[in-house]
Amino acid sequence: MIPSTFDYVRAETVEDAIKLLVESEGEGKLLAGGHSLLPLMKFRLTSPGTLIDINHISDLRGVQLKDERLVVGALTTHRDIIKDQLVQEHIPVLAQTARQIGDIQVRSRGTVGGNIAHADPAADLPGVALALEAEIELQDEDGKQRVSADGFFFGPLLTALPETSVLTAVSFLIPPMHAKSVYVKYEHPASGYAVVGVCAIAGKNASGKVDFIRVGINGVSDVAYRASAVEEALLGKAVTEENIRKAALLATKDAEMSGDMFASAEYRSHLCSIYTERALKQVLL
């Protein structure tokens, strides 16, 4: 439970953080909330030579409305998300999800950018980010770029974030006004992490047919994923309990289920369909 020796430096700007990452020659790690990084260091699953503290970069905090999307700074905490008026007005499911993350200490210090960058398969935000068609904003020595969330998560703790880049913000799609959204999860009783988490965003037209639907799922596979098969099964269809049930049975089609000592792959597959059905019923019925 004691990490190996490391150096500590503080970055005052994003450019400063990038410079320090480059100078560390692959041995540097950014420190934000620390709730994911520090436990790994204590177990010596990672041993960075330098911790680069970015907590004092004020430009990485806050929520803004830009081009019909909500842009959330990387250092915005889960508690900030819960209380933010723009989030509550435009993407309430983001606040609902944040309320289910960890405990009050984690929500007070843990950050949106850190949660996304860590890419824990059981974390709550990656599935929601996929459902909200998030774009991950990165910055390195060559400037800024955006990466779609759909191409950002590669596997457990593995993303498209280069080692000398800083994740500066996450941009979320604002769903249509008539769409409802929800995040439901079955959490591990010890850790609170999602054994299965489902974010469903859906709307129906005047004739009672689904005209907008997005479903993101985390916890059941090695990586969060968009449940495209579920979406395709419901889009343009009448909203009935039977159609929802049939669509929910396809929730595992776009990913390979994982198993562990707590929940087998078969159990996770069953939970995935059940919780997808519950989420869809909440937003469509």
C-alpha atoms as a PDB file:
ATOM      1  CA  MET A   1       0.000   0.000   0.000  1.00  0.00           C
ATOM      2  CA  ILE A   2       3.034   2.295  -0.331  1.00  0.00           C
ATOM      3  CA  PRO A   3       3.762   3.750  -3.794  1.00  0.00           C
ATOM      4  CA  SER A   4       7.250   3.783  -5.252  1.00  0.00           C
ATOM      5  CA  THR A   5       9.262   7.013  -5.178  1.00  0.00           C
ATOM      6  CA  PHE A   6       8.115   9.791  -7.500  1.00  0.00           C
ATOM      7  CA  ASP A   7       8.687  13.480  -8.162  1.00  0.00           C
ATOM      8  CA  TYR A   8       5.914  16.074  -7.842  1.00  0.00           C
ATOM      9  CA  VAL A   9       5.488  19.216  -9.957  1.00  0.00           C
ATOM     10  CA  ARG A  10       2.636  21.672 -10.369  1.00  0.00           C
ATOM     11  CA  ALA A  11       1.431  22.899 -13.766  1.00  0.00           C
ATOM     12  CA  GLU A  12      -0.062  26.402 -13.908  1.00  0.00           C
ATOM     13  CA  THR A  13      -1.362  26.228 -17.503  1.00  0.00           C
ATOM     14  CA  VAL A  14      -2.291  23.557 -20.048  1.00  0.00           C
ATOM     15  CA  GLU A  15       0.821  24.443 -22.049  1.00  0.00           C
ATOM     16  CA  ASP A  16       2.909  23.994 -18.912  1.00  0.00           C
ATOM     17  CA  ALA A  17       1.388  20.553 -18.315  1.00  0.00           C
ATOM     18  CA  ILE A  18       2.134  19.494 -21.899  1.00  0.00           C
ATOM     19  CA  LYS A  19       5.736  20.682 -21.575  1.00  0.00           C
ATOM     20  CA  LEU A  20       6.173  18.721 -18.347  1.00  0.00           C
ATOM     21  CA  LEU A  21       4.700  15.593 -19.949  1.00  0.00           C
ATOM     22  CA  VAL A  22       7.122  15.855 -22.850  1.00  0.00           C
ATOM     23  CA  GLU A  23      10.070  16.395 -20.505  1.00  0.00           C
ATOM     24  CA  SER A  24       9.088  13.353 -18.427  1.00  0.00           C
ATOM     25  CA  GLU A  25       9.748  11.109 -21.460  1.00  0.00           C
ATOM     26  CA  GLY A  26       6.780   8.843 -20.798  1.00  0.00           C
ATOM     27  CA  GLU A  27       7.272   8.712 -17.031  1.00  0.00           C
ATOM     28  CA  GLY A  28       4.813  11.497 -16.155  1.00  0.00           C
ATOM     29  CA  LYS A  29       1.188  11.181 -15.045  1.00  0.00           C
ATOM     30  CA  LEU A  30      -1.355  13.962 -14.675  1.00  0.00           C
ATOM     31  CA  LEU A  31      -2.903  14.306 -11.215  1.00  0.00           C
ATOM     32  CA  ALA A  32      -6.456  15.654 -10.992  1.00  0.00           C
ATOM     33  CA  GLY A  33      -8.842  14.141  -8.421  1.00  0.00           C
ATOM     34  CA  GLY A  34      -6.502  11.209  -7.863  1.00  0.00           C
ATOM     35  CA  HIS A  35      -9.236   8.707  -6.961  1.00  0.00           C
ATOM     36  CA  SER A  36      -8.214   6.340  -9.760  1.00  0.00           C
ATOM     37  CA  LEU A  37      -4.482   7.034 -10.030  1.00  0.00           C
ATOM     38  CA  LEU A  38      -3.474   6.925  -6.350  1.00  0.00           C
ATOM     39  CA  PRO A  39      -4.936   3.445  -5.607  1.00  0.00           C
ATOM     40  CA  LEU A  40      -3.080   2.069  -8.638  1.00  0.00           C
ATOM     41  CA  MET A  41       0.122   3.658  -7.332  1.00  0.00           C
ATOM     42  CA  LYS A  42      -0.393   2.218  -3.856  1.00  0.00           C
ATOM     43  CA  PHE A  43      -0.761  -1.275  -5.315  1.00  0.00           C
ATOM     44  CA  ARG A  44       2.205  -0.487  -7.602  1.00  0.00           C
ATOM     45  CA  LEU A  45       0.140  -1.336 -10.657  1.00  0.00           C
ATOM     46  CA  THR A  46       1.547   1.905 -12.020  1.00  0.00           C
ATOM     47  CA  SER A  47       4.715   3.704 -10.935  1.00  0.00           C
ATOM     48  CA  PRO A  48       5.026   7.125 -12.582  1.00  0.00           C
ATOM     49  CA  GLY A  49       8.330   8.898 -12.207  1.00  0.00           C
ATOM     50  CA  THR A  50       6.612  12.279 -11.946  1.00  0.00           C
ATOM     51  CA  LEU A  51       3.164  13.398 -10.854  1.00  0.00           C
ATOM     52  CA  ILE A  52       2.082  16.547 -12.685  1.00  0.00           C
ATOM     53  CA  ASP A  53      -0.579  18.336 -10.639  1.00  0.00           C
ATOM     54  CA  ILE A  54      -3.052  20.164 -12.914  1.00  0.00           C
ATOM     55  CA  ASN A  55      -5.573  21.130 -10.234  1.00  0.00           C
ATOM     56  CA  HIS A  56      -4.637  24.805 -10.362  1.00  0.00           C
ATOM     57  CA  ILE A  57      -5.475  25.263 -14.060  1.00  0.00           C
ATOM     58  CA  SER A  58      -8.724  27.221 -13.730  1.00  0.00           C
ATOM     59  CA  ASP A  59      -9.375  27.154 -17.500  1.00  0.00           C
ATOM     60  CA  LEU A  60     -10.177  23.446 -17.193  1.00  0.00           C
ATOM     61  CA  ARG A  61     -13.181  23.987 -14.924  1.00  0.00           C
ATOM     62  CA  GLY A  62     -16.790  24.875 -15.632  1.00  0.00           C
ATOM     63  CA  VAL A  63     -19.675  24.177 -18.014  1.00  0.00           C
ATOM     64  CA  GLN A  64     -20.448  26.198 -21.143  1.00  0.00           C
ATOM     65  CA  LEU A  65     -23.132  26.109 -23.815  1.00  0.00           C
ATOM     66  CA  LYS A  66     -21.499  26.085 -27.280  1.00  0.00           C
ATOM     67  CA  ASP A  67     -23.007  25.253 -30.683  1.00  0.00           C
ATOM     68  CA  GLU A  68     -25.965  23.359 -29.186  1.00  0.00           C
ATOM     69  CA  ARG A  69     -23.638  21.229 -27.061  1.00  0.00           C
ATOM     70  CA  LEU A  70     -22.568  21.373 -23.419  1.00  0.00           C
ATOM     71  CA  VAL A  71     -18.814  21.640 -22.999  1.00  0.00           C
ATOM     72  CA  VAL A  72     -17.595  20.426 -19.603  1.00  0.00           C
ATOM     73  CA  GLY A  73     -14.065  21.322 -18.507  1.00  0.00           C
ATOM     74  CA  ALA A  74     -11.896  18.347 -17.615  1.00  0.00           C
ATOM     75  CA  LEU A  75     -11.412  19.435 -13.987  1.00  0.00           C
ATOM     76  CA  THR A  76     -15.123  19.957 -13.364  1.00  0.00           C
ATOM     77  CA  THR A  77     -16.022  17.695 -10.441  1.00  0.00           C
ATOM     78  CA  HIS A  78     -18.982  15.358 -10.218  1.00  0.00           C
ATOM     79  CA  ARG A  79     -20.382  17.600  -7.483  1.00  0.00           C
ATOM     80  CA  ASP A  80     -20.108  20.575  -9.842  1.00  0.00           C
ATOM     81  CA  ILE A  81     -22.076  18.653 -12.468  1.00  0.00           C
ATOM     82  CA  ILE A  82     -24.841  17.810 -10.009  1.00  0.00           C
ATOM     83  CA  LYS A  83     -25.314  21.465  -9.066  1.00  0.00           C
ATOM     84  CA  ASP A  84     -24.794  23.101 -12.474  1.00  0.00           C
ATOM     85  CA  GLN A  85     -27.889  24.866 -13.853  1.00  0.00           C
ATOM     86  CA  LEU A  86     -26.948  24.332 -17.520  1.00  0.00           C
ATOM     87  CA  VAL A  87     -26.591  20.605 -16.934  1.00  0.00           C
ATOM     88  CA  GLN A  88     -29.887  20.392 -15.080  1.00  0.00           C
ATOM     89  CA  GLU A  89     -31.660  22.303 -17.840  1.00  0.00           C
ATOM     90  CA  HIS A  90     -30.180  20.676 -20.943  1.00  0.00           C
ATOM     91  CA  ILE A  91     -28.780  17.237 -19.961  1.00  0.00           C
ATOM     92  CA  PRO A  92     -30.318  16.177 -16.629  1.00  0.00           C
ATOM     93  CA  VAL A  93     -29.135  12.586 -17.112  1.00  0.00           C
ATOM     94  CA  LEU A  94     -25.571  13.824 -16.682  1.00  0.00           C
ATOM     95  CA  ALA A  95     -26.416  15.152 -13.224  1.00  0.00           C
ATOM     96  CA  GLN A  96     -28.394  11.996 -12.408  1.00  0.00           C
ATOM     97  CA  THR A  97     -25.376   9.879 -13.321  1.00  0.00           C
ATOM     98  CA  ALA A  98     -22.985  12.016 -11.279  1.00  0.00           C
ATOM     99  CA  ARG A  99     -25.158  11.461  -8.191  1.00  0.00           C
ATOM    100  CA  GLN A 100     -24.523   7.713  -8.521  1.00  0.00           C
ATOM    101  CA  ILE A 101     -20.736   7.964  -8.699  1.00  0.00           C
ATOM    102  CA  GLY A 102     -18.857   6.765  -5.605  1.00  0.00           C
ATOM    103  CA  ASP A 103     -19.535   8.568  -2.354  1.00  0.00           C
ATOM    104  CA  ILE A 104     -19.566  12.224  -1.306  1.00  0.00           C
ATOM    105  CA  GLN A 105     -15.755  12.358  -1.089  1.00  0.00           C
ATOM    106  CA  VAL A 106     -15.334  10.935  -4.590  1.00  0.00           C
ATOM    107  CA  ARG A 107     -17.974  13.246  -6.028  1.00  0.00           C
ATOM    108  CA  SER A 108     -16.323  16.261  -4.394  1.00  0.00           C
ATOM    109  CA  ARG A 109     -12.833  15.564  -5.746  1.00  0.00           C
ATOM    110  CA  GLY A 110     -13.276  13.251  -8.726  1.00  0.00           C
ATOM    111  CA  THR A 111     -13.351  14.951 -12.126  1.00  0.00           C
ATOM    112  CA  VAL A 112     -15.216  14.389 -15.373  1.00  0.00           C
ATOM    113  CA  GLY A 113     -12.007  14.402 -17.397  1.00  0.00           C
ATOM    114  CA  GLY A 114     -10.288  11.981 -15.042  1.00  0.00           C
ATOM    115  CA  ASN A 115     -13.232   9.573 -15.136  1.00  0.00           C
ATOM    116  CA  ILE A 116     -13.272   9.564 -18.953  1.00  0.00           C
ATOM    117  CA  ALA A 117      -9.482   9.378 -19.349  1.00  0.00           C
ATOM    118  CA  HIS A 118      -9.159   6.490 -16.871  1.00  0.00           C
ATOM    119  CA  ALA A 119     -11.585   4.378 -18.948  1.00  0.00           C
ATOM    120  CA  ASP A 120     -12.532   1.941 -16.221  1.00  0.00           C
ATOM    121  CA  PRO A 121     -15.085  -0.440 -17.814  1.00  0.00           C
ATOM    122  CA  ALA A 122     -17.213  -0.235 -14.643  1.00  0.00           C
ATOM    123  CA  ALA A 123     -17.160   3.578 -14.444  1.00  0.00           C
ATOM    124  CA  ASP A 124     -20.461   5.351 -15.051  1.00  0.00           C
ATOM    125  CA  LEU A 125     -19.552   8.234 -17.359  1.00  0.00           C
ATOM    126  CA  PRO A 126     -18.156   6.375 -20.415  1.00  0.00           C
ATOM    127  CA  GLY A 127     -21.506   4.738 -21.238  1.00  0.00           C
ATOM    128  CA  VAL A 128     -23.326   8.033 -20.776  1.00  0.00           C
ATOM    129  CA  ALA A 129     -20.713   9.800 -22.912  1.00  0.00           C
ATOM    130  CA  LEU A 130     -21.368   7.348 -25.733  1.00  0.00           C
ATOM    131  CA  ALA A 131     -25.129   7.826 -25.501  1.00  0.00           C
ATOM    132  CA  LEU A 132     -24.633  11.606 -25.583  1.00  0.00           C
ATOM    133  CA  GLU A 133     -22.287  11.343 -28.597  1.00  0.00           C
ATOM    134  CA  ALA A 134     -19.531  13.042 -26.620  1.00  0.00           C
ATOM    135  CA  GLU A 135     -16.449  14.525 -28.206  1.00  0.00           C
ATOM    136  CA  ILE A 136     -13.208  14.417 -26.230  1.00  0.00           C
ATOM    137  CA  GLU A 137     -11.137  17.584 -26.562  1.00  0.00           C
ATOM    138  CA  LEU A 138      -7.369  17.042 -26.439  1.00  0.00           C
ATOM    139  CA  GLN A 139      -4.394  19.378 -26.595  1.00  0.00           C
ATOM    140  CA  ASP A 140      -0.718  18.684 -27.260  1.00  0.00           C
ATOM    141  CA  GLU A 141       2.312  20.543 -28.605  1.00  0.00           C
ATOM    142  CA  ASP A 142       0.749  20.694 -32.076  1.00  0.00           C
ATOM    143  CA  GLY A 143      -2.548  22.213 -30.922  1.00  0.00           C
ATOM    144  CA  LYS A 144      -6.081  21.031 -30.210  1.00  0.00           C
ATOM    145  CA  GLN A 145      -8.119  18.178 -31.630  1.00  0.00           C
ATOM    146  CA  ARG A 146     -11.397  16.399 -30.972  1.00  0.00           C
ATOM    147  CA  VAL A 147     -11.928  12.652 -30.769  1.00  0.00           C
ATOM    148  CA  SER A 148     -15.358  11.037 -30.824  1.00  0.00           C
ATOM    149  CA  ALA A 149     -16.144   9.058 -27.685  1.00  0.00           C
ATOM    150  CA  ASP A 150     -17.065   6.192 -30.005  1.00  0.00           C
ATOM    151  CA  GLY A 151     -13.392   5.940 -31.007  1.00  0.00           C
ATOM    152  CA  PHE A 152     -11.809   6.992 -27.725  1.00  0.00           C
ATOM    153  CA  PHE A 153     -12.236   3.888 -25.537  1.00  0.00           C
ATOM    154  CA  PHE A 154     -10.061   0.948 -26.630  1.00  0.00           C
ATOM    155  CA  GLY A 155     -10.244  -1.338 -23.604  1.00  0.00           C
ATOM    156  CA  PRO A 156      -9.765  -1.462 -19.816  1.00  0.00           C
ATOM    157  CA  LEU A 157      -7.771   1.666 -18.855  1.00  0.00           C
ATOM    158  CA  LEU A 158      -6.827   2.093 -22.527  1.00  0.00           C
ATOM    159  CA  THR A 159      -7.841   5.100 -24.625  1.00  0.00           C
ATOM    160  CA  ALA A 160      -6.823   7.189 -27.622  1.00  0.00           C
ATOM    161  CA  LEU A 161      -5.233   9.784 -25.308  1.00  0.00           C
ATOM    162  CA  PRO A 162      -1.548  10.204 -26.301  1.00  0.00           C
ATOM    163  CA  GLU A 163       0.899  10.254 -23.389  1.00  0.00           C
ATOM    164  CA  THR A 164       1.937  13.871 -24.076  1.00  0.00           C
ATOM    165  CA  SER A 165      -1.618  15.209 -24.481  1.00  0.00           C
ATOM    166  CA  VAL A 166      -3.973  16.792 -21.970  1.00  0.00           C
ATOM    167  CA  LEU A 167      -7.695  16.049 -21.998  1.00  0.00           C
ATOM    168  CA  THR A 168      -9.078  19.576 -21.664  1.00  0.00           C
ATOM    169  CA  ALA A 169     -12.858  19.146 -21.990  1.00  0.00           C
ATOM    170  CA  VAL A 170     -15.707  16.831 -22.915  1.00  0.00           C
ATOM    171  CA  SER A 171     -18.432  18.103 -25.243  1.00  0.00           C
ATOM    172  CA  PHE A 172     -21.869  16.461 -24.923  1.00  0.00           C
ATOM    173  CA  LEU A 173     -24.758  16.452 -27.388  1.00  0.00           C
ATOM    174  CA  ILE A 174     -27.914  18.144 -26.104  1.00  0.00           C
ATOM    175  CA  PRO A 175     -30.791  15.729 -26.848  1.00  0.00           C
ATOM    176  CA  PRO A 176     -33.994  16.938 -28.555  1.00  0.00           C
ATOM    177  CA  MET A 177     -36.392  18.717 -26.210  1.00  0.00           C
ATOM    178  CA  HIS A 178     -39.025  15.985 -26.452  1.00  0.00           C
ATOM    179  CA  ALA A 179     -36.572  13.204 -25.540  1.00  0.00           C
ATOM    180  CA  LYS A 180     -36.376  11.759 -22.032  1.00  0.00           C
ATOM    181  CA  SER A 181     -33.209  10.335 -20.513  1.00  0.00           C
ATOM    182  CA  VAL A 182     -32.203   8.071 -17.647  1.00  0.00           C
ATOM    183  CA  TYR A 183     -29.199   6.217 -16.240  1.00  0.00           C
ATOM    184  CA  VAL A 184     -29.874   3.038 -14.275  1.00  0.00           C
ATOM    185  CA  LYS A 185     -27.324   0.670 -12.810  1.00  0.00           C
ATOM    186  CA  TYR A 186     -26.859  -2.399 -10.677  1.00  0.00           C
ATOM    187  CA  GLU A 187     -23.869  -1.546  -8.528  1.00  0.00           C
ATOM    188  CA  HIS A 188     -21.347  -3.784  -6.855  1.00  0.00           C
ATOM    189  CA  PRO A 189     -22.319  -3.785  -3.160  1.00  0.00           C
ATOM    190  CA  ALA A 190     -18.730  -3.232  -1.990  1.00  0.00           C
ATOM    191  CA  SER A 191     -17.308  -0.749  -4.492  1.00  0.00           C
ATOM    192  CA  GLY A 192     -20.365   0.989  -5.918  1.00  0.00           C
ATOM    193  CA  TYR A 193     -18.992   0.445  -9.427  1.00  0.00           C
ATOM    194  CA  ALA A 194     -21.451  -0.608 -12.098  1.00  0.00           C
ATOM    195  CA  VAL A 195     -21.916  -4.322 -12.646  1.00  0.00           C
ATOM    196  CA  VAL A 196     -24.176  -3.030 -15.388  1.00  0.00           C
ATOM    197  CA  GLY A 197     -25.065   0.574 -16.188  1.00  0.00           C
ATOM    198  CA  VAL A 198     -27.442   1.666 -18.935  1.00  0.00           C
ATOM    199  CA  CYS A 199     -28.020   5.183 -20.232  1.00  0.00           C
ATOM    200  CA  ALA A 200     -31.105   5.491 -22.437  1.00  0.00           C
ATOM    201  CA  ILE A 201     -32.184   8.650 -24.249  1.00  0.00           C
ATOM    202  CA  ALA A 202     -35.308   8.401 -26.374  1.00  0.00           C
ATOM    203  CA  GLY A 203     -38.228  10.339 -27.774  1.00  0.00           C
ATOM    204  CA  LYS A 204     -41.368   9.520 -29.723  1.00  0.00           C
ATOM    205  CA  ASN A 205     -43.388  11.505 -32.266  1.00  0.00           C
ATOM    206  CA  ALA A 206     -47.069  12.399 -32.247  1.00  0.00           C
ATOM    207  CA  SER A 207     -48.003   9.042 -33.730  1.00  0.00           C
ATOM    208  CA  GLY A 208     -46.304   7.178 -30.892  1.00  0.00           C
ATOM    209  CA  LYS A 209     -43.282   5.944 -32.844  1.00  0.00           C
ATOM    210  CA  VAL A 210     -39.685   6.245 -31.692  1.00  0.00           C
ATOM    211  CA  ASP A 211     -37.950   9.046 -33.594  1.00  0.00           C
ATOM    212  CA  PHE A 212     -34.822   9.437 -31.454  1.00  0.00           C
ATOM    213  CA  ILE A 213     -32.926   6.860 -29.421  1.00  0.00           C
ATOM    214  CA  ARG A 214     -29.434   6.452 -27.976  1.00  0.00           C
ATOM    215  CA  VAL A 215     -28.322   3.677 -25.619  1.00  0.00           C
ATOM    216  CA  GLY A 216     -24.905   3.476 -23.928  1.00  0.00           C
ATOM    217  CA  ILE A 217     -23.875   0.560 -21.711  1.00  0.00           C
ATOM    218  CA  ASN A 218     -20.988   0.116 -19.280  1.00  0.00           C
ATOM    219  CA  GLY A 219     -19.915  -2.425 -16.679  1.00  0.00           C
ATOM    220  CA  VAL A 220     -20.661  -5.619 -18.583  1.00  0.00           C
ATOM    221  CA  SER A 221     -17.790  -5.651 -21.067  1.00  0.00           C
ATOM    222  CA  ASP A 222     -14.107  -4.718 -21.244  1.00  0.00           C
ATOM    223  CA  VAL A 223     -15.144  -1.361 -22.668  1.00  0.00           C
ATOM    224  CA  ALA A 224     -18.291   0.787 -22.597  1.00  0.00           C
ATOM    225  CA  TYR A 225     -20.261   0.555 -25.828  1.00  0.00           C
ATOM    226  CA  ARG A 226     -23.158   1.960 -27.791  1.00  0.00           C
ATOM    227  CA  ALA A 227     -25.998  -0.575 -28.075  1.00  0.00           C
ATOM    228  CA  SER A 228     -26.657  -0.007 -31.782  1.00  0.00           C
ATOM    229  CA  ALA A 229     -28.723  -3.186 -32.155  1.00  0.00           C
ATOM    230  CA  VAL A 230     -31.176  -1.951 -29.525  1.00  0.00           C
ATOM    231  CA  GLU A 231     -31.448   1.441 -31.207  1.00  0.00           C
ATOM    232  CA  GLU A 232     -32.037  -0.065 -34.654  1.00  0.00           C
ATOM    233  CA  ALA A 233     -34.705  -2.403 -33.289  1.00  0.00           C
ATOM    234  CA  LEU A 234     -36.748   0.485 -31.881  1.00  0.00           C
ATOM    235  CA  LEU A 235     -36.175   3.427 -34.223  1.00  0.00           C
ATOM    236  CA  GLY A 236     -39.355   4.074 -36.209  1.00  0.00           C
ATOM    237  CA  LYS A 237     -41.300   1.423 -34.290  1.00  0.00           C
ATOM    238  CA  ALA A 238     -44.420   1.896 -32.197  1.00  0.00           C
ATOM    239  CA  VAL A 239     -43.802   2.183 -28.474  1.00  0.00           C
ATOM    240  CA  THR A 240     -45.139  -1.013 -26.959  1.00  0.00           C
ATOM    241  CA  GLU A 241     -43.942  -3.144 -24.059  1.00  0.00           C
ATOM    242  CA  GLU A 242     -43.393  -6.049 -26.468  1.00  0.00           C
ATOM    243  CA  ASN A 243     -41.201  -4.001 -28.811  1.00  0.00           C
ATOM    244  CA  ILE A 244     -39.181  -2.728 -25.852  1.00  0.00           C
ATOM    245  CA  ARG A 245     -38.736  -6.241 -24.462  1.00  0.00           C
ATOM    246  CA  LYS A 246     -37.548  -7.604 -27.804  1.00  0.00           C
ATOM    247  CA  ALA A 247     -35.143  -4.710 -28.299  1.00  0.00           C
ATOM    248  CA  ALA A 248     -33.696  -5.105 -24.793  1.00  0.00           C
ATOM    249  CA  LEU A 249     -32.798  -8.718 -25.558  1.00  0.00           C
ATOM    250  CA  LEU A 250     -30.340  -7.327 -28.114  1.00  0.00           C
ATOM    251  CA  ALA A 251     -28.450  -5.277 -25.510  1.00  0.00           C
ATOM    252  CA  THR A 252     -25.497  -7.689 -25.481  1.00  0.00           C
ATOM    253  CA  LYS A 253     -25.194  -8.033 -29.251  1.00  0.00           C
ATOM    254  CA  ASP A 254     -22.634  -5.237 -29.685  1.00  0.00           C
ATOM    255  CA  ALA A 255     -20.129  -6.442 -27.069  1.00  0.00           C
ATOM    256  CA  GLU A 256     -18.598  -9.514 -25.477  1.00  0.00           C
ATOM    257  CA  MET A 257     -19.669  -9.993 -21.883  1.00  0.00           C
ATOM    258  CA  SER A 258     -17.032 -10.137 -19.139  1.00  0.00           C
ATOM    259  CA  GLY A 259     -17.041 -12.353 -16.075  1.00  0.00           C
ATOM    260  CA  ASP A 260     -15.363 -12.205 -12.677  1.00  0.00           C
ATOM    261  CA  MET A 261     -15.699 -13.617  -9.156  1.00  0.00           C
ATOM    262  CA  PHE A 262     -18.760 -11.474  -8.442  1.00  0.00           C
ATOM    263  CA  ALA A 263     -20.702 -11.859 -11.690  1.00  0.00           C
ATOM    264  CA  SER A 264     -20.247 -14.379 -14.486  1.00  0.00           C
ATOM    265  CA  ALA A 265     -20.555 -13.437 -18.140  1.00  0.00           C
ATOM    266  CA  GLU A 266     -23.939 -15.177 -18.246  1.00  0.00           C
ATOM    267  CA  TYR A 267     -25.180 -13.236 -15.222  1.00  0.00           C
ATOM    268  CA  ARG A 268     -23.965  -9.936 -16.665  1.00  0.00           C
ATOM    269  CA  SER A 269     -25.695 -10.759 -19.957  1.00  0.00           C
ATOM    270  CA  HIS A 270     -28.963 -11.342 -18.120  1.00  0.00           C
ATOM    271  CA  LEU A 271     -28.607  -8.142 -16.084  1.00  0.00           C
ATOM    272  CA  CYS A 272     -27.764  -6.187 -19.212  1.00  0.00           C
ATOM    273  CA  SER A 273     -31.046  -7.084 -20.892  1.00  0.00           C
ATOM    274  CA  ILE A 274     -33.054  -6.513 -17.715  1.00  0.00           C
ATOM    275  CA  TYR A 275     -31.612  -3.082 -17.000  1.00  0.00           C
ATOM    276  CA  THR A 276     -31.836  -2.026 -20.637  1.00  0.00           C
ATOM    277  CA  GLU A 277     -35.535  -2.890 -20.580  1.00  0.00           C
ATOM    278  CA  ARG A 278     -36.026  -0.916 -17.358  1.00  0.00           C
ATOM    279  CA  ALA A 279     -34.241   2.106 -18.797  1.00  0.00           C
ATOM    280  CA  LEU A 280     -36.204   2.014 -22.044  1.00  0.00           C
ATOM    281  CA  LYS A 281     -39.517   1.755 -20.221  1.00  0.00           C
ATOM    282  CA  GLN A 282     -38.661   4.800 -18.122  1.00  0.00           C
ATOM    283  CA  VAL A 283     -37.985   6.987 -21.171  1.00  0.00           C
ATOM    284  CA  LEU A 284     -40.646   5.648 -23.552  1.00  0.00           C
ATOM    285  CA  LEU A 285     -43.698   4.558 -21.532  1.00  0.00           C
END
